[in-house]
Amino acid sequence: MWKEKNNSLVREYKFADFVSAFAFLNKVAELSEIHQHHPTILNTYNFVRLELNTHDEGGIVTDKDRELSADIDKIKV
């Protein structure tokens, strides 16, 4: 579940292994290019943390972030 924290939408994921986490991140990258909006990504082995905010709007949460997060939620995890 996405949480709004410090002017960002944040979601954390745990996967079975690094390969699964990276496969998920590849799908996130494809969606990010489609949306022309890119998350901050932290990946350590099977852990992924995504943060979304709109830098052009002063680093706040906007509809761009909500739209991308909704599409990321459609990725089969």
PDB file of N, CA and C in Angstrom:
ATOM      1  N   MET A   1       0.826  -1.172   0.000  1.00  0.00           N
ATOM      2  CA  MET A   1       0.000   0.000   0.000  1.00  0.00           C
ATOM      3  C   MET A   1       0.881   1.251   0.000  1.00  0.00           C
ATOM      4  N   TRP A   2       0.552   2.203  -0.832  1.00  0.00           N
ATOM      5  CA  TRP A   2       1.266   3.477  -0.886  1.00  0.00           C
ATOM      6  C   TRP A   2       0.892   4.318   0.329  1.00  0.00           C
ATOM      7  N   LYS A   3       1.897   4.986   0.887  1.00  0.00           N
ATOM      8  CA  LYS A   3       1.678   5.899   2.006  1.00  0.00           C
ATOM      9  C   LYS A   3       2.267   7.252   1.641  1.00  0.00           C
ATOM     10  N   GLU A   4       1.574   8.304   2.025  1.00  0.00           N
ATOM     11  CA  GLU A   4       2.119   9.640   1.801  1.00  0.00           C
ATOM     12  C   GLU A   4       2.981  10.003   3.004  1.00  0.00           C
ATOM     13  N   LYS A   5       4.253  10.297   2.719  1.00  0.00           N
ATOM     14  CA  LYS A   5       5.217  10.561   3.781  1.00  0.00           C
ATOM     15  C   LYS A   5       6.239  11.574   3.277  1.00  0.00           C
ATOM     16  N   ASN A   6       6.427  12.651   4.020  1.00  0.00           N
ATOM     17  CA  ASN A   6       7.428  13.674   3.675  1.00  0.00           C
ATOM     18  C   ASN A   6       7.291  14.145   2.224  1.00  0.00           C
ATOM     19  N   ASN A   7       6.077  14.493   1.823  1.00  0.00           N
ATOM     20  CA  ASN A   7       5.802  14.997   0.473  1.00  0.00           C
ATOM     21  C   ASN A   7       6.137  13.992  -0.630  1.00  0.00           C
ATOM     22  N   SER A   8       5.998  12.711  -0.340  1.00  0.00           N
ATOM     23  CA  SER A   8       6.215  11.660  -1.337  1.00  0.00           C
ATOM     24  C   SER A   8       5.197  10.550  -1.120  1.00  0.00           C
ATOM     25  N   LEU A   9       4.893   9.845  -2.201  1.00  0.00           N
ATOM     26  CA  LEU A   9       4.185   8.572  -2.085  1.00  0.00           C
ATOM     27  C   LEU A   9       5.261   7.506  -1.949  1.00  0.00           C
ATOM     28  N   VAL A  10       5.128   6.638  -0.965  1.00  0.00           N
ATOM     29  CA  VAL A  10       6.164   5.651  -0.658  1.00  0.00           C
ATOM     30  C   VAL A  10       5.527   4.263  -0.585  1.00  0.00           C
ATOM     31  N   ARG A  11       6.216   3.303  -1.179  1.00  0.00           N
ATOM     32  CA  ARG A  11       5.778   1.906  -1.054  1.00  0.00           C
ATOM     33  C   ARG A  11       7.011   1.016  -1.009  1.00  0.00           C
ATOM     34  N   GLU A  12       6.941   0.003  -0.153  1.00  0.00           N
ATOM     35  CA  GLU A  12       8.040  -0.949  -0.018  1.00  0.00           C
ATOM     36  C   GLU A  12       7.562  -2.344  -0.405  1.00  0.00           C
ATOM     37  N   TYR A  13       8.478  -3.097  -0.995  1.00  0.00           N
ATOM     38  CA  TYR A  13       8.176  -4.445  -1.470  1.00  0.00           C
ATOM     39  C   TYR A  13       9.286  -5.389  -1.013  1.00  0.00           C
ATOM     40  N   LYS A  14       8.925  -6.644  -0.764  1.00  0.00           N
ATOM     41  CA  LYS A  14       9.913  -7.698  -0.524  1.00  0.00           C
ATOM     42  C   LYS A  14       9.626  -8.831  -1.492  1.00  0.00           C
ATOM     43  N   PHE A  15      10.684  -9.331  -2.100  1.00  0.00           N
ATOM     44  CA  PHE A  15      10.589 -10.383  -3.103  1.00  0.00           C
ATOM     45  C   PHE A  15      11.343 -11.618  -2.634  1.00  0.00           C
ATOM     46  N   ALA A  16      11.196 -12.700  -3.358  1.00  0.00           N
ATOM     47  CA  ALA A  16      11.870 -13.947  -3.004  1.00  0.00           C
ATOM     48  C   ALA A  16      13.388 -13.821  -3.126  1.00  0.00           C
ATOM     49  N   ASP A  17      13.831 -13.025  -4.098  1.00  0.00           N
ATOM     50  CA  ASP A  17      15.269 -12.907  -4.338  1.00  0.00           C
ATOM     51  C   ASP A  17      15.553 -11.663  -5.175  1.00  0.00           C
ATOM     52  N   PHE A  18      16.824 -11.428  -5.444  1.00  0.00           N
ATOM     53  CA  PHE A  18      17.254 -10.255  -6.193  1.00  0.00           C
ATOM     54  C   PHE A  18      16.718 -10.248  -7.624  1.00  0.00           C
ATOM     55  N   VAL A  19      16.714 -11.399  -8.269  1.00  0.00           N
ATOM     56  CA  VAL A  19      16.252 -11.487  -9.656  1.00  0.00           C
ATOM     57  C   VAL A  19      14.772 -11.085  -9.750  1.00  0.00           C
ATOM     58  N   SER A  20      13.967 -11.519  -8.814  1.00  0.00           N
ATOM     59  CA  SER A  20      12.548 -11.153  -8.804  1.00  0.00           C
ATOM     60  C   SER A  20      12.366  -9.665  -8.563  1.00  0.00           C
ATOM     61  N   ALA A  21      13.143  -9.118  -7.640  1.00  0.00           N
ATOM     62  CA  ALA A  21      13.070  -7.679  -7.359  1.00  0.00           C
ATOM     63  C   ALA A  21      13.456  -6.883  -8.600  1.00  0.00           C
ATOM     64  N   PHE A  22      14.500  -7.328  -9.282  1.00  0.00           N
ATOM     65  CA  PHE A  22      14.965  -6.591 -10.453  1.00  0.00           C
ATOM     66  C   PHE A  22      14.001  -6.731 -11.628  1.00  0.00           C
ATOM     67  N   ALA A  23      13.354  -7.860 -11.755  1.00  0.00           N
ATOM     68  CA  ALA A  23      12.342  -8.037 -12.802  1.00  0.00           C
ATOM     69  C   ALA A  23      11.200  -7.049 -12.580  1.00  0.00           C
ATOM     70  N   PHE A  24      10.791  -6.889 -11.336  1.00  0.00           N
ATOM     71  CA  PHE A  24       9.768  -5.906 -10.994  1.00  0.00           C
ATOM     72  C   PHE A  24      10.247  -4.503 -11.359  1.00  0.00           C
ATOM     73  N   LEU A  25      11.481  -4.186 -11.016  1.00  0.00           N
ATOM     74  CA  LEU A  25      12.011  -2.850 -11.309  1.00  0.00           C
ATOM     75  C   LEU A  25      12.098  -2.579 -12.810  1.00  0.00           C
ATOM     76  N   ASN A  26      12.352  -3.602 -13.604  1.00  0.00           N
ATOM     77  CA  ASN A  26      12.343  -3.420 -15.060  1.00  0.00           C
ATOM     78  C   ASN A  26      10.958  -2.999 -15.539  1.00  0.00           C
ATOM     79  N   LYS A  27       9.927  -3.580 -14.961  1.00  0.00           N
ATOM     80  CA  LYS A  27       8.554  -3.202 -15.325  1.00  0.00           C
ATOM     81  C   LYS A  27       8.242  -1.783 -14.856  1.00  0.00           C
ATOM     82  N   VAL A  28       8.730  -1.426 -13.669  1.00  0.00           N
ATOM     83  CA  VAL A  28       8.563  -0.054 -13.172  1.00  0.00           C
ATOM     84  C   VAL A  28       9.262   0.921 -14.117  1.00  0.00           C
ATOM     85  N   ALA A  29      10.441   0.561 -14.592  1.00  0.00           N
ATOM     86  CA  ALA A  29      11.185   1.431 -15.509  1.00  0.00           C
ATOM     87  C   ALA A  29      10.399   1.657 -16.803  1.00  0.00           C
ATOM     88  N   GLU A  30       9.801   0.600 -17.337  1.00  0.00           N
ATOM     89  CA  GLU A  30       9.003   0.739 -18.565  1.00  0.00           C
ATOM     90  C   GLU A  30       7.816   1.679 -18.354  1.00  0.00           C
ATOM     91  N   LEU A  31       7.106   1.507 -17.239  1.00  0.00           N
ATOM     92  CA  LEU A  31       5.981   2.393 -16.942  1.00  0.00           C
ATOM     93  C   LEU A  31       6.440   3.834 -16.736  1.00  0.00           C
ATOM     94  N   SER A  32       7.572   3.995 -16.087  1.00  0.00           N
ATOM     95  CA  SER A  32       8.105   5.330 -15.830  1.00  0.00           C
ATOM     96  C   SER A  32       8.404   6.059 -17.131  1.00  0.00           C
ATOM     97  N   GLU A  33       8.922   5.351 -18.103  1.00  0.00           N
ATOM     98  CA  GLU A  33       9.194   5.956 -19.408  1.00  0.00           C
ATOM     99  C   GLU A  33       7.889   6.333 -20.107  1.00  0.00           C
ATOM    100  N   ILE A  34       6.898   5.472 -20.021  1.00  0.00           N
ATOM    101  CA  ILE A  34       5.595   5.780 -20.631  1.00  0.00           C
ATOM    102  C   ILE A  34       5.012   7.044 -20.009  1.00  0.00           C
ATOM    103  N   HIS A  35       5.093   7.138 -18.690  1.00  0.00           N
ATOM    104  CA  HIS A  35       4.543   8.291 -17.971  1.00  0.00           C
ATOM    105  C   HIS A  35       5.459   9.516 -18.031  1.00  0.00           C
ATOM    106  N   GLN A  36       6.713   9.304 -18.446  1.00  0.00           N
ATOM    107  CA  GLN A  36       7.718  10.367 -18.384  1.00  0.00           C
ATOM    108  C   GLN A  36       7.779  10.953 -16.976  1.00  0.00           C
ATOM    109  N   HIS A  37       7.794  10.046 -16.002  1.00  0.00           N
ATOM    110  CA  HIS A  37       7.826  10.406 -14.583  1.00  0.00           C
ATOM    111  C   HIS A  37       8.553   9.273 -13.872  1.00  0.00           C
ATOM    112  N   HIS A  38       9.594   9.576 -13.129  1.00  0.00           N
ATOM    113  CA  HIS A  38      10.494   8.542 -12.637  1.00  0.00           C
ATOM    114  C   HIS A  38      10.598   8.556 -11.118  1.00  0.00           C
ATOM    115  N   PRO A  39      10.479   7.394 -10.488  1.00  0.00           N
ATOM    116  CA  PRO A  39      10.553   7.314  -9.033  1.00  0.00           C
ATOM    117  C   PRO A  39      11.994   7.316  -8.537  1.00  0.00           C
ATOM    118  N   THR A  40      12.136   7.626  -7.273  1.00  0.00           N
ATOM    119  CA  THR A  40      13.384   7.346  -6.569  1.00  0.00           C
ATOM    120  C   THR A  40      13.294   5.885  -6.168  1.00  0.00           C
ATOM    121  N   ILE A  41      14.362   5.137  -6.432  1.00  0.00           N
ATOM    122  CA  ILE A  41      14.358   3.692  -6.211  1.00  0.00           C
ATOM    123  C   ILE A  41      15.496   3.310  -5.278  1.00  0.00           C
ATOM    124  N   LEU A  42      15.162   2.516  -4.266  1.00  0.00           N
ATOM    125  CA  LEU A  42      16.169   1.893  -3.411  1.00  0.00           C
ATOM    126  C   LEU A  42      15.989   0.397  -3.551  1.00  0.00           C
ATOM    127  N   ASN A  43      17.061  -0.297  -3.906  1.00  0.00           N
ATOM    128  CA  ASN A  43      17.006  -1.752  -4.060  1.00  0.00           C
ATOM    129  C   ASN A  43      18.195  -2.368  -3.349  1.00  0.00           C
ATOM    130  N   THR A  44      17.909  -3.222  -2.385  1.00  0.00           N
ATOM    131  CA  THR A  44      18.937  -4.003  -1.708  1.00  0.00           C
ATOM    132  C   THR A  44      18.467  -5.450  -1.693  1.00  0.00           C
ATOM    133  N   TYR A  45      19.156  -6.273  -2.452  1.00  0.00           N
ATOM    134  CA  TYR A  45      18.834  -7.683  -2.617  1.00  0.00           C
ATOM    135  C   TYR A  45      17.351  -7.868  -2.954  1.00  0.00           C
ATOM    136  N   ASN A  46      16.520  -8.329  -2.021  1.00  0.00           N
ATOM    137  CA  ASN A  46      15.115  -8.608  -2.336  1.00  0.00           C
ATOM    138  C   ASN A  46      14.178  -7.483  -1.899  1.00  0.00           C
ATOM    139  N   PHE A  47      14.720  -6.368  -1.453  1.00  0.00           N
ATOM    140  CA  PHE A  47      13.944  -5.243  -0.944  1.00  0.00           C
ATOM    141  C   PHE A  47      13.934  -4.105  -1.955  1.00  0.00           C
ATOM    142  N   VAL A  48      12.749  -3.554  -2.206  1.00  0.00           N
ATOM    143  CA  VAL A  48      12.601  -2.402  -3.100  1.00  0.00           C
ATOM    144  C   VAL A  48      11.755  -1.355  -2.386  1.00  0.00           C
ATOM    145  N   ARG A  49      12.219  -0.123  -2.438  1.00  0.00           N
ATOM    146  CA  ARG A  49      11.442   1.013  -1.922  1.00  0.00           C
ATOM    147  C   ARG A  49      11.311   2.010  -3.060  1.00  0.00           C
ATOM    148  N   LEU A  50      10.071   2.407  -3.347  1.00  0.00           N
ATOM    149  CA  LEU A  50       9.803   3.408  -4.372  1.00  0.00           C
ATOM    150  C   LEU A  50       9.271   4.666  -3.705  1.00  0.00           C
ATOM    151  N   GLU A  51       9.742   5.808  -4.176  1.00  0.00           N
ATOM    152  CA  GLU A  51       9.245   7.097  -3.706  1.00  0.00           C
ATOM    153  C   GLU A  51       8.886   7.935  -4.926  1.00  0.00           C
ATOM    154  N   LEU A  52       7.699   8.523  -4.877  1.00  0.00           N
ATOM    155  CA  LEU A  52       7.223   9.355  -5.970  1.00  0.00           C
ATOM    156  C   LEU A  52       6.884  10.748  -5.460  1.00  0.00           C
ATOM    157  N   ASN A  53       7.427  11.747  -6.119  1.00  0.00           N
ATOM    158  CA  ASN A  53       6.969  13.125  -5.960  1.00  0.00           C
ATOM    159  C   ASN A  53       7.326  13.867  -7.235  1.00  0.00           C
ATOM    160  N   THR A  54       6.761  15.041  -7.406  1.00  0.00           N
ATOM    161  CA  THR A  54       6.944  15.779  -8.658  1.00  0.00           C
ATOM    162  C   THR A  54       7.904  16.932  -8.415  1.00  0.00           C
ATOM    163  N   HIS A  55       9.120  16.760  -8.909  1.00  0.00           N
ATOM    164  CA  HIS A  55      10.177  17.759  -8.704  1.00  0.00           C
ATOM    165  C   HIS A  55       9.817  19.097  -9.346  1.00  0.00           C
ATOM    166  N   ASP A  56       9.161  19.037 -10.512  1.00  0.00           N
ATOM    167  CA  ASP A  56       8.784  20.271 -11.224  1.00  0.00           C
ATOM    168  C   ASP A  56       7.788  21.122 -10.440  1.00  0.00           C
ATOM    169  N   GLU A  57       7.098  20.508  -9.495  1.00  0.00           N
ATOM    170  CA  GLU A  57       6.099  21.213  -8.695  1.00  0.00           C
ATOM    171  C   GLU A  57       6.601  21.496  -7.276  1.00  0.00           C
ATOM    172  N   GLY A  58       7.912  21.403  -7.093  1.00  0.00           N
ATOM    173  CA  GLY A  58       8.482  21.703  -5.782  1.00  0.00           C
ATOM    174  C   GLY A  58       8.622  20.503  -4.865  1.00  0.00           C
ATOM    175  N   GLY A  59       8.608  19.298  -5.443  1.00  0.00           N
ATOM    176  CA  GLY A  59       8.798  18.099  -4.641  1.00  0.00           C
ATOM    177  C   GLY A  59       7.593  17.720  -3.806  1.00  0.00           C
ATOM    178  N   ILE A  60       6.409  17.878  -4.378  1.00  0.00           N
ATOM    179  CA  ILE A  60       5.175  17.499  -3.689  1.00  0.00           C
ATOM    180  C   ILE A  60       4.493  16.367  -4.453  1.00  0.00           C
ATOM    181  N   VAL A  61       3.484  15.775  -3.855  1.00  0.00           N
ATOM    182  CA  VAL A  61       2.699  14.728  -4.505  1.00  0.00           C
ATOM    183  C   VAL A  61       1.655  15.389  -5.400  1.00  0.00           C
ATOM    184  N   THR A  62       1.628  14.952  -6.665  1.00  0.00           N
ATOM    185  CA  THR A  62       0.667  15.486  -7.627  1.00  0.00           C
ATOM    186  C   THR A  62      -0.054  14.326  -8.316  1.00  0.00           C
ATOM    187  N   ASP A  63      -0.940  14.679  -9.249  1.00  0.00           N
ATOM    188  CA  ASP A  63      -1.648  13.647 -10.022  1.00  0.00           C
ATOM    189  C   ASP A  63      -0.682  12.761 -10.794  1.00  0.00           C
ATOM    190  N   LYS A  64       0.461  13.310 -11.233  1.00  0.00           N
ATOM    191  CA  LYS A  64       1.466  12.482 -11.930  1.00  0.00           C
ATOM    192  C   LYS A  64       1.880  11.298 -11.058  1.00  0.00           C
ATOM    193  N   ASP A  65       2.094  11.578  -9.778  1.00  0.00           N
ATOM    194  CA  ASP A  65       2.519  10.529  -8.852  1.00  0.00           C
ATOM    195  C   ASP A  65       1.407   9.519  -8.616  1.00  0.00           C
ATOM    196  N   ARG A  66       0.205  10.015  -8.451  1.00  0.00           N
ATOM    197  CA  ARG A  66      -0.934   9.126  -8.213  1.00  0.00           C
ATOM    198  C   ARG A  66      -1.205   8.238  -9.429  1.00  0.00           C
ATOM    199  N   GLU A  67      -1.076   8.792 -10.619  1.00  0.00           N
ATOM    200  CA  GLU A  67      -1.307   8.011 -11.837  1.00  0.00           C
ATOM    201  C   GLU A  67      -0.247   6.930 -12.009  1.00  0.00           C
ATOM    202  N   LEU A  68       1.032   7.287 -11.805  1.00  0.00           N
ATOM    203  CA  LEU A  68       2.088   6.289 -11.938  1.00  0.00           C
ATOM    204  C   LEU A  68       1.960   5.223 -10.852  1.00  0.00           C
ATOM    205  N   SER A  69       1.668   5.623  -9.631  1.00  0.00           N
ATOM    206  CA  SER A  69       1.540   4.626  -8.555  1.00  0.00           C
ATOM    207  C   SER A  69       0.390   3.655  -8.851  1.00  0.00           C
ATOM    208  N   ALA A  70      -0.690   4.147  -9.415  1.00  0.00           N
ATOM    209  CA  ALA A  70      -1.816   3.274  -9.767  1.00  0.00           C
ATOM    210  C   ALA A  70      -1.408   2.257 -10.829  1.00  0.00           C
ATOM    211  N   ASP A  71      -0.610   2.690 -11.805  1.00  0.00           N
ATOM    212  CA  ASP A  71      -0.139   1.749 -12.835  1.00  0.00           C
ATOM    213  C   ASP A  71       0.874   0.759 -12.259  1.00  0.00           C
ATOM    214  N   ILE A  72       1.736   1.209 -11.356  1.00  0.00           N
ATOM    215  CA  ILE A  72       2.680   0.299 -10.716  1.00  0.00           C
ATOM    216  C   ILE A  72       1.924  -0.775  -9.941  1.00  0.00           C
ATOM    217  N   ASP A  73       0.816  -0.390  -9.323  1.00  0.00           N
ATOM    218  CA  ASP A  73       0.004  -1.367  -8.579  1.00  0.00           C
ATOM    219  C   ASP A  73      -0.550  -2.468  -9.473  1.00  0.00           C
ATOM    220  N   LYS A  74      -0.620  -2.249 -10.759  1.00  0.00           N
ATOM    221  CA  LYS A  74      -1.144  -3.256 -11.686  1.00  0.00           C
ATOM    222  C   LYS A  74      -0.105  -4.309 -12.052  1.00  0.00           C
ATOM    223  N   ILE A  75       1.167  -4.062 -11.699  1.00  0.00           N
ATOM    224  CA  ILE A  75       2.218  -5.035 -11.983  1.00  0.00           C
ATOM    225  C   ILE A  75       1.995  -6.248 -11.082  1.00  0.00           C
ATOM    226  N   LYS A  76       2.024  -7.432 -11.660  1.00  0.00           N
ATOM    227  CA  LYS A  76       1.878  -8.647 -10.877  1.00  0.00           C
ATOM    228  C   LYS A  76       3.160  -8.864 -10.080  1.00  0.00           C
ATOM    229  N   VAL A  77       2.998  -8.918  -8.766  1.00  0.00           N
ATOM    230  CA  VAL A  77       4.157  -9.059  -7.871  1.00  0.00           C
ATOM    231  C   VAL A  77       4.217 -10.484  -7.378  1.00  0.00           C
TER     232      VAL A  77
END
